[in-house]
N, C-alpha and C. Protein backbone atom coordinates (compact mmCIF):
# COMPACT_ATOMS: atom_id res chain seq x y z
N UNK A 1 42.03 1.27 31.96
CA UNK A 1 43.33 1.58 31.44
C UNK A 1 43.23 3.00 30.85
N UNK A 2 43.89 3.95 31.43
CA UNK A 2 43.71 5.33 31.00
C UNK A 2 45.01 6.01 30.57
N UNK A 3 46.03 5.26 30.28
CA UNK A 3 47.29 5.87 29.86
C UNK A 3 47.08 6.54 28.50
N UNK A 4 47.36 7.84 28.44
CA UNK A 4 47.30 8.58 27.18
C UNK A 4 48.54 9.43 27.01
N UNK A 5 48.95 9.57 25.76
CA UNK A 5 50.20 10.27 25.43
C UNK A 5 49.94 11.11 24.17
N UNK A 6 50.45 12.36 24.19
CA UNK A 6 50.32 13.22 23.04
C UNK A 6 51.67 13.42 22.39
N UNK A 7 51.68 13.31 21.07
CA UNK A 7 52.88 13.55 20.27
C UNK A 7 52.50 14.54 19.20
N UNK A 8 53.36 15.53 18.97
CA UNK A 8 53.09 16.58 17.97
C UNK A 8 54.05 16.39 16.82
N UNK A 9 53.51 16.51 15.61
CA UNK A 9 54.32 16.34 14.39
C UNK A 9 53.75 17.19 13.26
N UNK A 10 54.66 17.77 12.46
CA UNK A 10 54.27 18.52 11.30
C UNK A 10 54.32 17.64 10.06
N UNK A 11 53.35 17.76 9.17
CA UNK A 11 53.31 16.98 7.93
C UNK A 11 54.36 17.59 6.99
N UNK A 12 55.26 16.71 6.52
CA UNK A 12 56.35 17.13 5.63
C UNK A 12 55.98 16.82 4.16
N UNK A 13 56.70 17.43 3.22
CA UNK A 13 56.47 17.16 1.82
C UNK A 13 56.55 15.67 1.52
N UNK A 14 57.55 15.00 2.07
CA UNK A 14 57.74 13.58 1.78
C UNK A 14 56.52 12.74 2.24
N UNK A 15 55.69 13.25 3.10
CA UNK A 15 54.51 12.56 3.62
C UNK A 15 53.29 12.69 2.73
N UNK A 16 53.36 13.54 1.69
CA UNK A 16 52.19 13.88 0.91
C UNK A 16 52.22 13.28 -0.49
N UNK A 17 51.05 13.30 -1.10
CA UNK A 17 50.94 12.84 -2.51
C UNK A 17 51.11 14.05 -3.42
N UNK A 18 50.89 13.86 -4.69
CA UNK A 18 51.09 14.91 -5.69
C UNK A 18 50.24 16.17 -5.40
N UNK A 19 49.08 15.94 -4.76
CA UNK A 19 48.19 17.08 -4.44
C UNK A 19 48.53 17.77 -3.14
N UNK A 20 49.59 17.33 -2.45
CA UNK A 20 49.97 17.95 -1.16
C UNK A 20 49.19 17.42 0.02
N UNK A 21 48.39 16.35 -0.21
CA UNK A 21 47.58 15.75 0.85
C UNK A 21 48.35 14.57 1.43
N UNK A 22 48.32 14.41 2.74
CA UNK A 22 49.03 13.33 3.37
C UNK A 22 48.60 12.01 2.74
N UNK A 23 49.57 11.15 2.39
CA UNK A 23 49.27 9.83 1.89
C UNK A 23 48.84 8.95 3.07
N UNK A 24 47.75 8.19 2.85
CA UNK A 24 47.20 7.40 3.97
C UNK A 24 48.20 6.54 4.66
N UNK A 25 49.15 5.99 3.95
CA UNK A 25 50.13 5.09 4.57
C UNK A 25 50.97 5.76 5.65
N UNK A 26 51.10 7.06 5.55
CA UNK A 26 51.89 7.77 6.55
C UNK A 26 51.25 7.83 7.91
N UNK A 27 49.93 7.69 7.97
CA UNK A 27 49.29 7.60 9.30
C UNK A 27 49.85 6.42 10.06
N UNK A 28 50.15 5.31 9.37
CA UNK A 28 50.68 4.14 10.04
C UNK A 28 52.10 4.38 10.52
N UNK A 29 52.91 5.14 9.75
CA UNK A 29 54.24 5.50 10.20
C UNK A 29 54.10 6.41 11.43
N UNK A 30 53.17 7.35 11.40
CA UNK A 30 53.00 8.26 12.53
C UNK A 30 52.59 7.48 13.78
N UNK A 31 51.76 6.46 13.60
CA UNK A 31 51.37 5.66 14.77
C UNK A 31 52.58 4.97 15.38
N UNK A 32 53.46 4.40 14.54
CA UNK A 32 54.62 3.76 15.06
C UNK A 32 55.57 4.77 15.69
N UNK A 33 55.72 5.92 15.10
CA UNK A 33 56.55 6.97 15.66
C UNK A 33 56.06 7.38 17.03
N UNK A 34 54.71 7.54 17.15
CA UNK A 34 54.11 7.94 18.40
C UNK A 34 54.29 6.85 19.46
N UNK A 35 54.14 5.59 19.05
CA UNK A 35 54.34 4.47 19.98
C UNK A 35 55.76 4.46 20.51
N UNK A 36 56.75 4.70 19.63
CA UNK A 36 58.16 4.75 20.05
C UNK A 36 58.37 5.86 21.06
N UNK A 37 57.87 7.05 20.74
CA UNK A 37 58.06 8.21 21.65
C UNK A 37 57.37 7.99 22.97
N UNK A 38 56.20 7.34 22.94
CA UNK A 38 55.46 7.00 24.18
C UNK A 38 56.34 6.11 25.08
N UNK A 39 56.89 5.05 24.48
CA UNK A 39 57.70 4.11 25.30
C UNK A 39 59.02 4.76 25.73
N UNK A 40 59.59 5.62 24.91
CA UNK A 40 60.77 6.38 25.34
C UNK A 40 60.43 7.25 26.55
N UNK A 41 59.26 7.88 26.54
CA UNK A 41 58.87 8.74 27.67
C UNK A 41 58.69 7.95 28.97
N UNK A 42 58.34 6.67 28.82
CA UNK A 42 58.13 5.79 30.00
C UNK A 42 59.42 5.11 30.44
N UNK A 43 60.43 5.16 29.60
CA UNK A 43 61.67 4.45 29.88
C UNK A 43 61.58 2.97 29.57
N UNK A 44 60.59 2.56 28.76
CA UNK A 44 60.43 1.15 28.44
C UNK A 44 60.93 0.82 27.01
N UNK A 45 61.50 1.78 26.35
CA UNK A 45 62.03 1.57 25.00
C UNK A 45 63.51 1.93 25.02
N UNK A 46 64.25 1.23 24.22
CA UNK A 46 65.65 1.53 24.02
C UNK A 46 65.89 1.69 22.57
N UNK A 47 66.78 2.57 22.19
CA UNK A 47 67.13 2.77 20.79
C UNK A 47 68.26 1.85 20.37
N UNK A 48 68.71 1.00 21.26
CA UNK A 48 69.75 0.01 20.94
C UNK A 48 69.09 -1.24 20.39
N UNK A 49 69.42 -1.57 19.23
CA UNK A 49 68.73 -2.62 18.47
C UNK A 49 68.61 -3.95 19.20
N UNK A 50 69.65 -4.38 19.82
CA UNK A 50 69.64 -5.70 20.49
C UNK A 50 68.74 -5.81 21.67
N UNK A 51 68.34 -4.70 22.27
CA UNK A 51 67.52 -4.75 23.50
C UNK A 51 66.03 -4.57 23.26
N UNK A 52 65.59 -4.35 22.01
CA UNK A 52 64.20 -4.08 21.74
C UNK A 52 63.48 -5.42 21.48
N UNK A 53 62.46 -5.72 22.30
CA UNK A 53 61.73 -6.97 22.07
C UNK A 53 61.01 -6.88 20.70
N UNK A 54 60.88 -8.03 20.02
CA UNK A 54 60.13 -8.07 18.77
C UNK A 54 58.66 -7.75 19.06
N UNK A 55 58.07 -6.84 18.27
CA UNK A 55 56.68 -6.49 18.46
C UNK A 55 56.01 -6.37 17.08
N UNK A 56 55.80 -7.48 16.39
CA UNK A 56 55.10 -7.35 15.11
C UNK A 56 53.68 -6.86 15.29
N UNK A 57 53.15 -6.26 14.27
CA UNK A 57 51.81 -5.75 14.28
C UNK A 57 50.85 -6.88 13.93
N UNK A 58 49.87 -7.11 14.79
CA UNK A 58 48.88 -8.14 14.52
C UNK A 58 47.64 -7.58 13.82
N UNK A 59 47.28 -6.34 14.17
CA UNK A 59 46.07 -5.74 13.59
C UNK A 59 46.25 -4.21 13.53
N UNK A 60 45.82 -3.65 12.45
CA UNK A 60 45.87 -2.19 12.26
C UNK A 60 44.63 -1.77 11.50
N UNK A 61 44.04 -0.66 11.98
CA UNK A 61 42.88 -0.12 11.29
C UNK A 61 42.93 1.40 11.37
N UNK A 62 42.26 2.05 10.42
CA UNK A 62 42.23 3.52 10.40
C UNK A 62 40.99 4.03 9.69
N UNK A 63 40.55 5.18 10.14
CA UNK A 63 39.44 5.89 9.46
C UNK A 63 39.87 7.32 9.32
N UNK A 64 39.73 7.82 8.10
CA UNK A 64 40.20 9.16 7.77
C UNK A 64 38.98 10.08 7.66
N UNK A 65 38.97 11.17 8.44
CA UNK A 65 37.79 11.99 8.58
C UNK A 65 37.90 13.34 7.86
N UNK A 66 39.09 13.88 7.79
CA UNK A 66 39.32 15.18 7.14
C UNK A 66 40.64 15.16 6.44
N UNK A 67 40.78 16.00 5.43
CA UNK A 67 42.02 16.09 4.69
C UNK A 67 43.08 16.79 5.52
N UNK A 68 44.31 16.28 5.44
CA UNK A 68 45.47 16.86 6.10
C UNK A 68 46.50 17.13 5.01
N UNK A 69 47.12 18.32 5.03
CA UNK A 69 48.01 18.72 3.96
C UNK A 69 49.38 19.10 4.47
N UNK A 70 50.29 19.29 3.52
CA UNK A 70 51.64 19.71 3.84
C UNK A 70 51.63 20.90 4.78
N UNK A 71 52.47 20.83 5.80
CA UNK A 71 52.62 21.90 6.77
C UNK A 71 51.68 21.87 7.97
N UNK A 72 50.61 21.08 7.85
CA UNK A 72 49.67 20.98 8.99
C UNK A 72 50.37 20.38 10.19
N UNK A 73 50.05 20.89 11.35
CA UNK A 73 50.59 20.39 12.62
C UNK A 73 49.57 19.45 13.21
N UNK A 74 49.99 18.21 13.45
CA UNK A 74 49.11 17.18 13.99
C UNK A 74 49.43 16.93 15.46
N UNK A 75 48.40 16.79 16.25
CA UNK A 75 48.51 16.27 17.62
C UNK A 75 48.01 14.83 17.50
N UNK A 76 48.88 13.90 17.88
CA UNK A 76 48.55 12.48 17.83
C UNK A 76 48.43 11.98 19.23
N UNK A 77 47.26 11.50 19.57
CA UNK A 77 47.00 11.00 20.92
C UNK A 77 46.97 9.47 20.87
N UNK A 78 47.87 8.86 21.64
CA UNK A 78 47.92 7.41 21.80
C UNK A 78 47.24 7.09 23.12
N UNK A 79 46.40 6.10 23.11
CA UNK A 79 45.76 5.65 24.35
C UNK A 79 45.94 4.14 24.45
N UNK A 80 46.37 3.69 25.61
CA UNK A 80 46.50 2.22 25.86
C UNK A 80 45.11 1.71 26.17
N UNK A 81 44.60 0.82 25.30
CA UNK A 81 43.25 0.31 25.48
C UNK A 81 43.26 -1.01 26.25
N UNK A 82 44.26 -1.84 25.99
CA UNK A 82 44.30 -3.16 26.65
C UNK A 82 45.73 -3.68 26.68
N UNK A 83 46.07 -4.27 27.81
CA UNK A 83 47.32 -4.98 27.92
C UNK A 83 46.93 -6.46 28.17
N UNK A 84 47.17 -7.31 27.18
CA UNK A 84 46.83 -8.74 27.31
C UNK A 84 48.04 -9.51 27.80
N UNK A 85 47.97 -10.82 27.69
CA UNK A 85 49.10 -11.66 28.13
C UNK A 85 50.33 -11.39 27.28
N UNK A 86 50.16 -11.32 25.95
CA UNK A 86 51.29 -11.14 25.08
C UNK A 86 51.15 -9.98 24.14
N UNK A 87 50.09 -9.18 24.30
CA UNK A 87 49.81 -8.09 23.34
C UNK A 87 49.41 -6.80 24.07
N UNK A 88 49.54 -5.72 23.29
CA UNK A 88 49.07 -4.41 23.72
C UNK A 88 48.21 -3.83 22.58
N UNK A 89 47.06 -3.28 22.91
CA UNK A 89 46.20 -2.65 21.96
C UNK A 89 46.16 -1.14 22.25
N UNK A 90 46.42 -0.34 21.23
CA UNK A 90 46.40 1.10 21.35
C UNK A 90 45.30 1.66 20.44
N UNK A 91 44.77 2.82 20.83
CA UNK A 91 43.93 3.57 19.90
C UNK A 91 44.67 4.91 19.67
N UNK A 92 44.43 5.51 18.55
CA UNK A 92 45.03 6.77 18.16
C UNK A 92 43.97 7.72 17.71
N UNK A 93 44.13 8.99 18.09
CA UNK A 93 43.29 10.10 17.63
C UNK A 93 44.21 11.13 17.05
N UNK A 94 43.99 11.51 15.81
CA UNK A 94 44.75 12.52 15.11
C UNK A 94 43.95 13.82 15.07
N UNK A 95 44.54 14.91 15.53
CA UNK A 95 43.85 16.22 15.52
C UNK A 95 44.70 17.28 14.83
N UNK A 96 44.02 18.15 14.14
CA UNK A 96 44.64 19.34 13.54
C UNK A 96 43.83 20.55 13.99
N UNK A 97 44.48 21.46 14.68
CA UNK A 97 43.81 22.67 15.22
C UNK A 97 42.56 22.29 16.03
N UNK A 98 42.69 21.23 16.83
CA UNK A 98 41.62 20.83 17.74
C UNK A 98 40.53 20.03 17.11
N UNK A 99 40.56 19.79 15.81
CA UNK A 99 39.55 18.99 15.10
C UNK A 99 40.10 17.59 14.81
N UNK A 100 39.33 16.58 15.10
CA UNK A 100 39.75 15.22 14.79
C UNK A 100 39.76 15.01 13.30
N UNK A 101 40.88 14.52 12.77
CA UNK A 101 41.01 14.30 11.32
C UNK A 101 41.14 12.83 10.99
N UNK A 102 41.48 11.98 11.96
CA UNK A 102 41.57 10.53 11.74
C UNK A 102 41.56 9.83 13.08
N UNK A 103 41.21 8.56 13.04
CA UNK A 103 41.30 7.70 14.24
C UNK A 103 41.79 6.34 13.74
N UNK A 104 42.46 5.64 14.66
CA UNK A 104 43.09 4.42 14.26
C UNK A 104 43.30 3.49 15.46
N UNK A 105 43.63 2.24 15.19
CA UNK A 105 43.92 1.28 16.22
C UNK A 105 45.06 0.39 15.79
N UNK A 106 45.78 -0.13 16.78
CA UNK A 106 46.97 -0.95 16.54
C UNK A 106 47.11 -1.96 17.67
N UNK A 107 47.32 -3.22 17.30
CA UNK A 107 47.62 -4.27 18.28
C UNK A 107 49.00 -4.84 17.94
N UNK A 108 49.87 -4.85 18.95
CA UNK A 108 51.20 -5.42 18.79
C UNK A 108 51.30 -6.67 19.67
N UNK A 109 52.07 -7.64 19.22
CA UNK A 109 52.28 -8.88 19.96
C UNK A 109 53.78 -9.05 20.22
N UNK A 110 54.10 -9.38 21.46
CA UNK A 110 55.50 -9.65 21.82
C UNK A 110 55.83 -11.06 21.44
N UNK A 111 56.96 -11.26 20.74
CA UNK A 111 57.34 -12.58 20.29
C UNK A 111 58.85 -12.77 20.42
N UNK A 112 59.26 -14.02 20.34
CA UNK A 112 60.67 -14.36 20.24
C UNK A 112 60.80 -15.60 19.37
N UNK A 113 61.95 -15.80 18.75
CA UNK A 113 62.13 -17.01 17.94
C UNK A 113 62.13 -18.25 18.80
N UNK A 114 61.40 -19.27 18.37
CA UNK A 114 61.41 -20.57 19.04
C UNK A 114 62.56 -21.43 18.53
N UNK A 115 62.68 -22.60 19.07
CA UNK A 115 63.77 -23.52 18.64
C UNK A 115 63.68 -23.85 17.15
N UNK A 116 62.46 -23.83 16.61
CA UNK A 116 62.28 -24.12 15.20
C UNK A 116 62.47 -22.89 14.31
N UNK A 117 62.81 -21.74 14.94
CA UNK A 117 63.05 -20.52 14.20
C UNK A 117 61.79 -19.68 13.98
N UNK A 118 60.63 -20.25 14.25
CA UNK A 118 59.38 -19.51 14.08
C UNK A 118 59.14 -18.61 15.29
N UNK A 119 58.48 -17.50 15.06
CA UNK A 119 58.20 -16.56 16.13
C UNK A 119 57.06 -17.09 16.98
N UNK A 120 57.25 -17.03 18.31
CA UNK A 120 56.27 -17.51 19.25
C UNK A 120 55.90 -16.37 20.21
N UNK A 121 54.63 -16.23 20.57
CA UNK A 121 54.21 -15.18 21.52
C UNK A 121 54.89 -15.39 22.87
N UNK A 122 55.24 -14.30 23.50
CA UNK A 122 55.80 -14.32 24.87
C UNK A 122 54.99 -13.35 25.71
N UNK A 123 55.13 -13.42 27.00
CA UNK A 123 54.43 -12.48 27.88
C UNK A 123 54.95 -11.06 27.63
N UNK A 124 54.05 -10.08 27.82
CA UNK A 124 54.50 -8.68 27.79
C UNK A 124 55.55 -8.54 28.89
N UNK A 125 56.73 -8.00 28.57
CA UNK A 125 57.77 -7.86 29.56
C UNK A 125 57.28 -7.16 30.82
N UNK A 126 57.73 -7.61 32.01
CA UNK A 126 57.24 -7.07 33.26
C UNK A 126 57.40 -5.58 33.42
N UNK A 127 58.53 -5.00 32.93
CA UNK A 127 58.72 -3.56 33.05
C UNK A 127 57.71 -2.78 32.21
N UNK A 128 57.35 -3.32 31.05
CA UNK A 128 56.39 -2.68 30.20
C UNK A 128 54.97 -2.83 30.78
N UNK A 129 54.66 -4.00 31.25
CA UNK A 129 53.34 -4.23 31.86
C UNK A 129 53.16 -3.28 33.06
N UNK A 130 54.19 -3.18 33.91
CA UNK A 130 54.08 -2.31 35.09
C UNK A 130 53.91 -0.85 34.69
N UNK A 131 54.62 -0.41 33.68
CA UNK A 131 54.52 0.99 33.26
C UNK A 131 53.18 1.30 32.65
N UNK A 132 52.56 0.33 31.99
CA UNK A 132 51.27 0.56 31.32
C UNK A 132 50.07 0.32 32.22
N UNK A 133 50.25 -0.45 33.29
CA UNK A 133 49.12 -0.79 34.17
C UNK A 133 49.27 -0.24 35.57
N UNK A 134 50.33 0.51 35.79
CA UNK A 134 50.63 1.06 37.14
C UNK A 134 50.89 -0.06 38.14
N UNK A 135 51.49 -1.13 37.68
CA UNK A 135 51.87 -2.19 38.59
C UNK A 135 51.84 -3.56 37.93
N UNK A 136 52.46 -4.55 38.53
CA UNK A 136 52.45 -5.91 37.92
C UNK A 136 51.04 -6.53 38.04
N UNK A 137 50.72 -7.38 37.10
CA UNK A 137 49.42 -8.10 37.14
C UNK A 137 49.61 -9.57 37.24
């Protein structure tokens, strides 16, 4: 699985702490923003609320390697690591001026409400699976 996507973003004041350093929680927002832009680029995402499949986050991890501050331009690389029956696992590499500053991982699970109202896993939608794997599996 070699799908990779680059998204560029500048660190804003609102993203930083009192010292002007990016707050760690914003890496998770950046991951979600990158995931959205990735799927928009593939045509597998819609910005219309009713058409977006539920994708709660099952697992998230991050390691911070270098300080990032207000105004820094980040290149965020998303890589599709695995497409499972009902989940997708991504890895993320954050770079500033060509130097890796953080790395992270994210697993999302596709779900829908069951008859009892609880969320139940569903298969990765066929259009998304095809776009991520270069064909149906």
